[in-house]
Amino acid sequence: MERPPPASTLTVHATCLVLGEAGILIRGESGAGKSSLALALLDRARQEGGYGALVGDDRIGLTPHHGRVVARGHPALHGLIEIRGMGLVRASPLADAAVIRLVVDLVGTLPRLPDTPMDSVDVLGVAIRRIMLDRNIRDRALAPGLVLCALIPSASVAPRTHLRTVSCEFGSPI
């Protein structure tokens, strides 16, 4: 018999994966490219010899646990990811859960020079690093590299300068 989720579980429309030990929650409207970005990140991890696994697609349960947010995929969709035009396909490898270290919000458009290209967002009372990516960036295939840069704890952007204080080599291992 399947155990019901804890009362404090929040279900969100998102895709979740784990790269190394870092859980990444990708949010956005239907058709925004959540699954495509997750697959690109998993492919990149595989190509570079790093660990990457899908936690879940479409419906993700988020639970606070000792000052962290743990994500789990919906049991009915375990191991499945949607590829537009192909439908649901089996994904491999899979992870049962991930501690969220980064939220990626896929949005329609962002200002050309935003005040805060990288910030944090409150998820169930926990501040989690966040990066927002607009369609323009996603269409140019820059998103996977920017997500990987955002995972680096020392990566930051000086307010209103839009200059990173860390050099992020896109070819470096995950």
N, C-alpha and C. Protein backbone atom coordinates (compact mmCIF):
# COMPACT_ATOMS: atom_id res chain seq x y z
N MET A 1 0.84 -1.18 0.00
CA MET A 1 0.00 0.00 0.00
C MET A 1 0.89 1.24 0.00
N GLU A 2 0.55 2.17 -0.86
CA GLU A 2 1.33 3.40 -1.00
C GLU A 2 1.05 4.34 0.16
N ARG A 3 2.13 4.90 0.73
CA ARG A 3 2.01 5.81 1.86
C ARG A 3 1.60 7.19 1.36
N PRO A 4 0.61 7.83 2.00
CA PRO A 4 0.22 9.18 1.56
C PRO A 4 1.33 10.17 1.86
N PRO A 5 1.42 11.23 1.06
CA PRO A 5 2.46 12.24 1.30
C PRO A 5 2.22 12.96 2.62
N PRO A 6 3.29 13.47 3.26
CA PRO A 6 3.11 14.24 4.49
C PRO A 6 2.20 15.44 4.25
N ALA A 7 1.53 15.88 5.32
CA ALA A 7 0.60 17.01 5.20
C ALA A 7 1.27 18.27 4.70
N SER A 8 2.57 18.42 4.94
CA SER A 8 3.26 19.64 4.53
C SER A 8 3.81 19.56 3.11
N THR A 9 3.46 18.50 2.36
CA THR A 9 3.93 18.38 0.99
C THR A 9 3.16 19.33 0.08
N LEU A 10 3.91 20.05 -0.74
CA LEU A 10 3.34 20.95 -1.74
C LEU A 10 3.60 20.33 -3.10
N THR A 11 2.56 20.13 -3.90
CA THR A 11 2.74 19.59 -5.25
C THR A 11 2.79 20.75 -6.24
N VAL A 12 3.84 20.77 -7.08
CA VAL A 12 4.02 21.84 -8.06
C VAL A 12 4.14 21.26 -9.46
N HIS A 13 3.77 22.08 -10.44
CA HIS A 13 3.94 21.72 -11.85
C HIS A 13 5.37 22.07 -12.22
N ALA A 14 6.23 21.07 -12.30
CA ALA A 14 7.65 21.30 -12.52
C ALA A 14 8.32 20.01 -12.97
N THR A 15 9.60 20.13 -13.29
CA THR A 15 10.45 18.98 -13.58
C THR A 15 11.62 19.06 -12.61
N CYS A 16 12.06 17.92 -12.11
CA CYS A 16 13.15 17.90 -11.15
C CYS A 16 14.19 16.86 -11.56
N LEU A 17 15.45 17.23 -11.40
CA LEU A 17 16.54 16.31 -11.66
C LEU A 17 17.62 16.55 -10.63
N VAL A 18 18.56 15.64 -10.57
CA VAL A 18 19.70 15.80 -9.68
C VAL A 18 20.96 15.71 -10.53
N LEU A 19 21.87 16.66 -10.33
CA LEU A 19 23.19 16.65 -10.97
C LEU A 19 24.21 16.61 -9.84
N GLY A 20 25.02 15.58 -9.83
CA GLY A 20 25.91 15.38 -8.69
C GLY A 20 25.05 15.16 -7.47
N GLU A 21 25.15 16.05 -6.50
CA GLU A 21 24.30 15.98 -5.30
C GLU A 21 23.27 17.10 -5.27
N ALA A 22 23.21 17.90 -6.32
CA ALA A 22 22.35 19.09 -6.34
C ALA A 22 21.04 18.83 -7.06
N GLY A 23 19.94 19.01 -6.33
CA GLY A 23 18.63 18.93 -6.95
C GLY A 23 18.30 20.23 -7.64
N ILE A 24 17.75 20.13 -8.85
CA ILE A 24 17.36 21.30 -9.64
C ILE A 24 15.87 21.19 -9.92
N LEU A 25 15.12 22.21 -9.52
CA LEU A 25 13.69 22.27 -9.77
C LEU A 25 13.46 23.26 -10.90
N ILE A 26 12.89 22.78 -12.01
CA ILE A 26 12.64 23.63 -13.18
C ILE A 26 11.14 23.90 -13.24
N ARG A 27 10.77 25.18 -13.12
CA ARG A 27 9.37 25.58 -13.13
C ARG A 27 9.08 26.39 -14.38
N GLY A 28 7.82 26.36 -14.78
CA GLY A 28 7.39 27.15 -15.93
C GLY A 28 6.04 26.66 -16.39
N GLU A 29 5.42 27.45 -17.23
CA GLU A 29 4.12 27.08 -17.76
C GLU A 29 4.25 25.89 -18.69
N SER A 30 3.13 25.28 -19.00
CA SER A 30 3.11 24.16 -19.93
C SER A 30 3.70 24.61 -21.27
N GLY A 31 4.61 23.83 -21.80
CA GLY A 31 5.25 24.16 -23.08
C GLY A 31 6.44 25.09 -22.97
N ALA A 32 6.83 25.47 -21.75
CA ALA A 32 7.94 26.41 -21.56
C ALA A 32 9.30 25.78 -21.83
N GLY A 33 9.39 24.45 -21.80
CA GLY A 33 10.66 23.79 -22.06
C GLY A 33 11.30 23.14 -20.84
N LYS A 34 10.50 22.87 -19.81
CA LYS A 34 11.04 22.26 -18.59
C LYS A 34 11.67 20.90 -18.87
N SER A 35 10.94 20.04 -19.54
CA SER A 35 11.44 18.70 -19.84
C SER A 35 12.64 18.75 -20.76
N SER A 36 12.59 19.62 -21.77
CA SER A 36 13.71 19.74 -22.71
C SER A 36 14.98 20.20 -22.01
N LEU A 37 14.86 21.17 -21.10
CA LEU A 37 16.03 21.63 -20.36
C LEU A 37 16.57 20.52 -19.46
N ALA A 38 15.68 19.79 -18.81
CA ALA A 38 16.11 18.68 -17.95
C ALA A 38 16.86 17.64 -18.77
N LEU A 39 16.33 17.28 -19.93
CA LEU A 39 17.00 16.29 -20.78
C LEU A 39 18.35 16.79 -21.26
N ALA A 40 18.44 18.08 -21.59
CA ALA A 40 19.72 18.65 -22.03
C ALA A 40 20.75 18.61 -20.90
N LEU A 41 20.32 18.90 -19.68
CA LEU A 41 21.23 18.86 -18.53
C LEU A 41 21.67 17.42 -18.23
N LEU A 42 20.76 16.47 -18.33
CA LEU A 42 21.11 15.07 -18.12
C LEU A 42 22.08 14.58 -19.19
N ASP A 43 21.85 14.99 -20.42
CA ASP A 43 22.75 14.61 -21.51
C ASP A 43 24.14 15.21 -21.29
N ARG A 44 24.17 16.44 -20.86
CA ARG A 44 25.46 17.09 -20.59
C ARG A 44 26.22 16.37 -19.47
N ALA A 45 25.51 15.98 -18.42
CA ALA A 45 26.15 15.24 -17.32
C ALA A 45 26.72 13.93 -17.84
N ARG A 46 25.95 13.23 -18.67
CA ARG A 46 26.41 11.96 -19.22
C ARG A 46 27.65 12.15 -20.08
N GLN A 47 27.63 13.17 -20.94
CA GLN A 47 28.77 13.43 -21.84
C GLN A 47 30.03 13.78 -21.06
N GLU A 48 29.87 14.47 -19.93
CA GLU A 48 31.04 14.93 -19.18
C GLU A 48 31.42 13.98 -18.04
N GLY A 49 30.75 12.83 -17.97
CA GLY A 49 31.11 11.84 -16.96
C GLY A 49 30.59 12.15 -15.57
N GLY A 50 29.64 13.06 -15.45
CA GLY A 50 29.06 13.39 -14.15
C GLY A 50 27.80 12.59 -13.90
N TYR A 51 27.31 12.67 -12.67
CA TYR A 51 26.08 11.96 -12.31
C TYR A 51 24.88 12.86 -12.57
N GLY A 52 23.89 12.32 -13.24
CA GLY A 52 22.64 13.02 -13.45
C GLY A 52 21.50 12.02 -13.49
N ALA A 53 20.38 12.35 -12.86
CA ALA A 53 19.23 11.46 -12.84
C ALA A 53 17.95 12.28 -12.75
N LEU A 54 16.90 11.78 -13.38
CA LEU A 54 15.59 12.41 -13.32
C LEU A 54 14.92 12.03 -12.00
N VAL A 55 14.35 13.01 -11.33
CA VAL A 55 13.55 12.77 -10.13
C VAL A 55 12.09 12.66 -10.53
N GLY A 56 11.63 13.56 -11.39
CA GLY A 56 10.24 13.51 -11.83
C GLY A 56 9.93 14.60 -12.83
N ASP A 57 8.84 14.39 -13.55
CA ASP A 57 8.39 15.35 -14.56
C ASP A 57 6.91 15.62 -14.34
N ASP A 58 6.52 16.84 -14.52
CA ASP A 58 5.15 17.32 -14.51
C ASP A 58 4.60 17.60 -13.11
N ARG A 59 4.63 16.63 -12.22
CA ARG A 59 4.12 16.84 -10.86
C ARG A 59 5.21 16.45 -9.86
N ILE A 60 5.64 17.43 -9.08
CA ILE A 60 6.71 17.22 -8.12
C ILE A 60 6.19 17.56 -6.72
N GLY A 61 6.42 16.66 -5.79
CA GLY A 61 6.07 16.89 -4.40
C GLY A 61 7.25 17.48 -3.66
N LEU A 62 7.05 18.61 -2.99
CA LEU A 62 8.10 19.28 -2.23
C LEU A 62 7.77 19.20 -0.74
N THR A 63 8.75 18.79 0.05
CA THR A 63 8.57 18.64 1.49
C THR A 63 9.71 19.30 2.23
N PRO A 64 9.41 20.14 3.23
CA PRO A 64 10.49 20.71 4.04
C PRO A 64 11.05 19.63 4.97
N HIS A 65 12.37 19.61 5.11
CA HIS A 65 13.00 18.60 5.98
C HIS A 65 14.30 19.16 6.54
N HIS A 66 14.29 19.50 7.82
CA HIS A 66 15.48 20.01 8.52
C HIS A 66 16.14 21.18 7.78
N GLY A 67 15.34 22.16 7.40
CA GLY A 67 15.88 23.37 6.77
C GLY A 67 16.21 23.22 5.30
N ARG A 68 15.78 22.13 4.70
CA ARG A 68 15.99 21.90 3.26
C ARG A 68 14.66 21.53 2.63
N VAL A 69 14.62 21.58 1.31
CA VAL A 69 13.42 21.16 0.60
C VAL A 69 13.77 19.90 -0.19
N VAL A 70 13.01 18.83 0.06
CA VAL A 70 13.22 17.56 -0.63
C VAL A 70 12.13 17.41 -1.69
N ALA A 71 12.55 17.05 -2.90
CA ALA A 71 11.62 16.87 -4.02
C ALA A 71 11.51 15.40 -4.37
N ARG A 72 10.28 14.99 -4.69
CA ARG A 72 10.02 13.63 -5.16
C ARG A 72 9.03 13.70 -6.31
N GLY A 73 9.22 12.83 -7.28
CA GLY A 73 8.28 12.76 -8.39
C GLY A 73 6.99 12.08 -7.97
N HIS A 74 5.94 12.31 -8.72
CA HIS A 74 4.65 11.68 -8.44
C HIS A 74 4.75 10.19 -8.79
N PRO A 75 4.29 9.31 -7.90
CA PRO A 75 4.43 7.87 -8.14
C PRO A 75 3.81 7.39 -9.46
N ALA A 76 2.70 8.00 -9.87
CA ALA A 76 2.04 7.57 -11.11
C ALA A 76 2.86 7.90 -12.35
N LEU A 77 3.79 8.86 -12.22
CA LEU A 77 4.61 9.28 -13.37
C LEU A 77 6.07 8.87 -13.21
N HIS A 78 6.37 8.05 -12.22
CA HIS A 78 7.76 7.67 -11.93
C HIS A 78 8.44 7.08 -13.17
N GLY A 79 9.56 7.69 -13.53
CA GLY A 79 10.34 7.19 -14.65
C GLY A 79 9.91 7.70 -16.01
N LEU A 80 8.90 8.56 -16.05
CA LEU A 80 8.40 9.06 -17.32
C LEU A 80 8.70 10.55 -17.46
N ILE A 81 8.99 10.95 -18.70
CA ILE A 81 9.18 12.36 -19.01
C ILE A 81 8.53 12.61 -20.36
N GLU A 82 7.91 13.78 -20.51
CA GLU A 82 7.24 14.10 -21.77
C GLU A 82 8.20 14.78 -22.73
N ILE A 83 8.22 14.27 -23.95
CA ILE A 83 8.95 14.93 -25.03
C ILE A 83 7.89 15.37 -26.03
N ARG A 84 7.76 16.68 -26.21
CA ARG A 84 6.71 17.20 -27.10
C ARG A 84 6.80 16.57 -28.48
N GLY A 85 5.66 16.12 -28.95
CA GLY A 85 5.59 15.49 -30.25
C GLY A 85 5.84 13.99 -30.21
N MET A 86 6.38 13.49 -29.08
CA MET A 86 6.64 12.05 -28.94
C MET A 86 5.82 11.45 -27.81
N GLY A 87 5.35 12.27 -26.90
CA GLY A 87 4.58 11.78 -25.77
C GLY A 87 5.46 11.42 -24.59
N LEU A 88 4.95 10.53 -23.74
CA LEU A 88 5.70 10.11 -22.56
C LEU A 88 6.70 9.03 -22.94
N VAL A 89 7.92 9.20 -22.47
CA VAL A 89 8.97 8.20 -22.72
C VAL A 89 9.63 7.85 -21.38
N ARG A 90 10.20 6.65 -21.32
CA ARG A 90 10.92 6.22 -20.12
C ARG A 90 12.25 6.94 -20.03
N ALA A 91 12.58 7.40 -18.85
CA ALA A 91 13.85 8.08 -18.61
C ALA A 91 14.74 7.19 -17.75
N SER A 92 16.02 7.34 -17.93
CA SER A 92 16.98 6.60 -17.13
C SER A 92 18.27 7.39 -17.13
N PRO A 93 18.99 7.45 -16.01
CA PRO A 93 18.69 6.88 -14.70
C PRO A 93 17.68 7.73 -13.93
N LEU A 94 17.19 7.16 -12.84
CA LEU A 94 16.20 7.82 -12.00
C LEU A 94 16.71 7.97 -10.58
N ALA A 95 16.26 9.00 -9.91
CA ALA A 95 16.54 9.20 -8.49
C ALA A 95 15.20 9.30 -7.77
N ASP A 96 15.11 8.72 -6.59
CA ASP A 96 13.85 8.76 -5.84
C ASP A 96 13.56 10.14 -5.27
N ALA A 97 14.61 10.88 -4.93
CA ALA A 97 14.42 12.19 -4.29
C ALA A 97 15.67 13.04 -4.50
N ALA A 98 15.52 14.33 -4.26
CA ALA A 98 16.65 15.26 -4.36
C ALA A 98 16.44 16.41 -3.39
N VAL A 99 17.53 16.89 -2.81
CA VAL A 99 17.50 18.11 -2.01
C VAL A 99 17.68 19.27 -2.99
N ILE A 100 16.71 20.16 -3.04
CA ILE A 100 16.73 21.25 -4.03
C ILE A 100 17.80 22.27 -3.65
N ARG A 101 18.71 22.52 -4.58
CA ARG A 101 19.78 23.52 -4.42
C ARG A 101 19.60 24.70 -5.36
N LEU A 102 18.77 24.50 -6.42
CA LEU A 102 18.58 25.56 -7.41
C LEU A 102 17.18 25.46 -7.99
N VAL A 103 16.53 26.61 -8.11
CA VAL A 103 15.25 26.72 -8.81
C VAL A 103 15.52 27.45 -10.11
N VAL A 104 15.05 26.88 -11.21
CA VAL A 104 15.15 27.52 -12.52
C VAL A 104 13.73 27.88 -12.93
N ASP A 105 13.46 29.17 -13.08
CA ASP A 105 12.15 29.62 -13.54
C ASP A 105 12.24 29.99 -15.01
N LEU A 106 11.45 29.28 -15.83
CA LEU A 106 11.40 29.56 -17.26
C LEU A 106 10.26 30.55 -17.49
N VAL A 107 10.60 31.71 -18.00
CA VAL A 107 9.62 32.78 -18.19
C VAL A 107 9.60 33.20 -19.66
N GLY A 108 8.56 33.95 -20.04
CA GLY A 108 8.45 34.40 -21.42
C GLY A 108 9.55 35.37 -21.81
N THR A 109 9.63 36.48 -21.08
CA THR A 109 10.67 37.48 -21.37
C THR A 109 11.20 38.07 -20.08
N LEU A 110 12.43 38.50 -20.14
CA LEU A 110 13.07 39.21 -19.04
C LEU A 110 13.60 40.53 -19.59
N PRO A 111 13.79 41.52 -18.73
CA PRO A 111 14.43 42.75 -19.19
C PRO A 111 15.83 42.44 -19.72
N ARG A 112 16.28 43.24 -20.65
CA ARG A 112 17.61 43.03 -21.24
C ARG A 112 18.70 43.05 -20.18
N LEU A 113 18.62 43.97 -19.24
CA LEU A 113 19.58 44.06 -18.14
C LEU A 113 18.81 44.06 -16.82
N PRO A 114 18.42 42.87 -16.33
CA PRO A 114 17.62 42.81 -15.10
C PRO A 114 18.41 43.25 -13.88
N ASP A 115 17.69 43.75 -12.87
CA ASP A 115 18.33 44.15 -11.62
C ASP A 115 18.98 42.95 -10.93
N THR A 116 18.29 41.83 -10.96
CA THR A 116 18.80 40.64 -10.26
C THR A 116 18.66 39.41 -11.16
N PRO A 117 19.64 39.11 -12.00
CA PRO A 117 19.54 37.94 -12.86
C PRO A 117 19.59 36.63 -12.07
N MET A 118 20.18 36.67 -10.89
CA MET A 118 20.23 35.49 -10.04
C MET A 118 19.92 35.95 -8.62
N ASP A 119 18.95 35.29 -7.98
CA ASP A 119 18.58 35.68 -6.63
C ASP A 119 18.19 34.43 -5.86
N SER A 120 17.38 34.58 -4.85
CA SER A 120 16.86 33.41 -4.15
C SER A 120 15.35 33.53 -4.07
N VAL A 121 14.72 32.40 -3.86
CA VAL A 121 13.27 32.35 -3.78
C VAL A 121 12.91 31.52 -2.55
N ASP A 122 11.82 31.89 -1.90
CA ASP A 122 11.35 31.16 -0.73
C ASP A 122 10.49 29.98 -1.19
N VAL A 123 10.90 28.78 -0.81
CA VAL A 123 10.13 27.58 -1.10
C VAL A 123 9.87 26.88 0.24
N LEU A 124 8.63 26.88 0.67
CA LEU A 124 8.25 26.25 1.95
C LEU A 124 9.09 26.77 3.12
N GLY A 125 9.37 28.07 3.10
CA GLY A 125 10.12 28.68 4.19
C GLY A 125 11.62 28.54 4.10
N VAL A 126 12.12 28.00 3.00
CA VAL A 126 13.55 27.82 2.80
C VAL A 126 14.00 28.69 1.62
N ALA A 127 15.04 29.49 1.82
CA ALA A 127 15.59 30.32 0.73
C ALA A 127 16.46 29.43 -0.16
N ILE A 128 16.12 29.41 -1.45
CA ILE A 128 16.85 28.59 -2.42
C ILE A 128 17.29 29.49 -3.56
N ARG A 129 18.51 29.30 -4.00
CA ARG A 129 19.07 30.07 -5.12
C ARG A 129 18.19 29.87 -6.36
N ARG A 130 17.99 30.97 -7.12
CA ARG A 130 17.13 30.90 -8.30
C ARG A 130 17.77 31.65 -9.46
N ILE A 131 17.56 31.08 -10.64
CA ILE A 131 17.92 31.76 -11.88
C ILE A 131 16.68 31.76 -12.77
N MET A 132 16.44 32.89 -13.45
CA MET A 132 15.32 32.98 -14.38
C MET A 132 15.89 33.00 -15.80
N LEU A 133 15.27 32.21 -16.66
CA LEU A 133 15.70 32.13 -18.06
C LEU A 133 14.50 32.43 -18.94
N ASP A 134 14.69 33.32 -19.91
CA ASP A 134 13.59 33.61 -20.82
C ASP A 134 13.73 32.80 -22.10
N ARG A 135 12.69 32.85 -22.91
CA ARG A 135 12.64 32.06 -24.14
C ARG A 135 13.82 32.38 -25.06
N ASN A 136 14.24 33.62 -25.10
CA ASN A 136 15.36 34.03 -25.95
C ASN A 136 16.62 33.23 -25.61
N ILE A 137 16.91 33.08 -24.33
CA ILE A 137 18.09 32.32 -23.90
C ILE A 137 17.90 30.85 -24.21
N ARG A 138 16.71 30.31 -23.93
CA ARG A 138 16.47 28.88 -24.16
C ARG A 138 16.57 28.55 -25.64
N ASP A 139 16.07 29.42 -26.50
CA ASP A 139 16.12 29.15 -27.94
C ASP A 139 17.53 29.18 -28.50
N ARG A 140 18.46 29.79 -27.79
CA ARG A 140 19.86 29.85 -28.24
C ARG A 140 20.72 28.77 -27.59
N ALA A 141 20.11 27.83 -26.92
CA ALA A 141 20.80 26.70 -26.29
C ALA A 141 21.82 27.12 -25.23
N LEU A 142 21.64 28.30 -24.65
CA LEU A 142 22.54 28.76 -23.59
C LEU A 142 22.11 28.27 -22.21
N ALA A 143 20.88 27.83 -22.09
CA ALA A 143 20.33 27.51 -20.78
C ALA A 143 21.12 26.47 -19.99
N PRO A 144 21.52 25.33 -20.57
CA PRO A 144 22.24 24.35 -19.74
C PRO A 144 23.52 24.91 -19.11
N GLY A 145 24.30 25.66 -19.86
CA GLY A 145 25.52 26.25 -19.32
C GLY A 145 25.24 27.25 -18.22
N LEU A 146 24.19 28.06 -18.38
CA LEU A 146 23.84 29.04 -17.35
C LEU A 146 23.35 28.36 -16.08
N VAL A 147 22.60 27.28 -16.24
CA VAL A 147 22.13 26.53 -15.06
C VAL A 147 23.33 25.95 -14.32
N LEU A 148 24.27 25.37 -15.04
CA LEU A 148 25.45 24.80 -14.39
C LEU A 148 26.25 25.87 -13.67
N CYS A 149 26.38 27.04 -14.27
CA CYS A 149 27.07 28.15 -13.60
C CYS A 149 26.35 28.55 -12.32
N ALA A 150 25.03 28.57 -12.37
CA ALA A 150 24.25 28.99 -11.20
C ALA A 150 24.39 28.01 -10.03
N LEU A 151 24.80 26.78 -10.31
CA LEU A 151 24.98 25.80 -9.24
C LEU A 151 26.24 26.06 -8.42
N ILE A 152 27.17 26.83 -8.97
CA ILE A 152 28.42 27.10 -8.27
C ILE A 152 28.13 28.05 -7.12
N PRO A 153 28.38 27.62 -5.87
CA PRO A 153 28.03 28.46 -4.72
C PRO A 153 28.64 29.85 -4.75
N SER A 154 29.83 30.00 -5.29
CA SER A 154 30.48 31.32 -5.29
C SER A 154 30.04 32.18 -6.46
N ALA A 155 29.22 31.63 -7.36
CA ALA A 155 28.77 32.43 -8.49
C ALA A 155 27.80 33.49 -8.00
N SER A 156 28.07 34.71 -8.33
CA SER A 156 27.17 35.79 -7.96
C SER A 156 27.28 36.88 -9.00
N VAL A 157 26.32 37.74 -8.98
CA VAL A 157 26.31 38.86 -9.91
C VAL A 157 26.23 40.14 -9.09
N ALA A 158 27.15 41.05 -9.33
CA ALA A 158 27.11 42.32 -8.62
C ALA A 158 25.86 43.08 -9.05
N PRO A 159 25.08 43.59 -8.10
CA PRO A 159 23.84 44.29 -8.44
C PRO A 159 24.08 45.40 -9.45
N ARG A 160 23.21 45.44 -10.44
CA ARG A 160 23.18 46.47 -11.49
C ARG A 160 24.42 46.51 -12.38
N THR A 161 25.39 45.60 -12.18
CA THR A 161 26.54 45.57 -13.08
C THR A 161 26.42 44.44 -14.08
N HIS A 162 25.68 43.38 -13.70
CA HIS A 162 25.46 42.23 -14.57
C HIS A 162 26.75 41.51 -14.91
N LEU A 163 27.77 41.69 -14.09
CA LEU A 163 29.05 41.02 -14.32
C LEU A 163 29.22 39.93 -13.27
N ARG A 164 29.49 38.73 -13.73
CA ARG A 164 29.71 37.62 -12.80
C ARG A 164 31.03 37.82 -12.08
N THR A 165 31.06 37.38 -10.83
CA THR A 165 32.29 37.48 -10.06
C THR A 165 33.07 36.17 -10.10
N VAL A 166 32.61 35.23 -10.89
CA VAL A 166 33.30 33.96 -11.03
C VAL A 166 33.35 33.60 -12.51
N SER A 167 34.44 33.02 -12.92
CA SER A 167 34.55 32.54 -14.30
C SER A 167 33.98 31.13 -14.35
N CYS A 168 33.04 30.91 -15.18
CA CYS A 168 32.42 29.59 -15.28
C CYS A 168 32.72 29.02 -16.65
N GLU A 169 33.55 28.00 -16.67
CA GLU A 169 33.88 27.35 -17.93
C GLU A 169 32.81 26.32 -18.23
N PHE A 170 32.13 26.47 -19.35
CA PHE A 170 31.02 25.58 -19.66
C PHE A 170 31.48 24.16 -19.90
N GLY A 171 32.76 23.93 -20.19
CA GLY A 171 33.23 22.59 -20.44
C GLY A 171 33.73 21.88 -19.20
N SER A 172 33.66 22.52 -18.04
CA SER A 172 34.19 21.90 -16.83
C SER A 172 33.26 20.78 -16.35
N PRO A 173 33.81 19.78 -15.64
CA PRO A 173 32.99 18.66 -15.16
C PRO A 173 31.93 19.13 -14.18
N ILE A 174 30.86 18.39 -14.12
CA ILE A 174 29.75 18.71 -13.21
C ILE A 174 30.13 18.32 -11.80
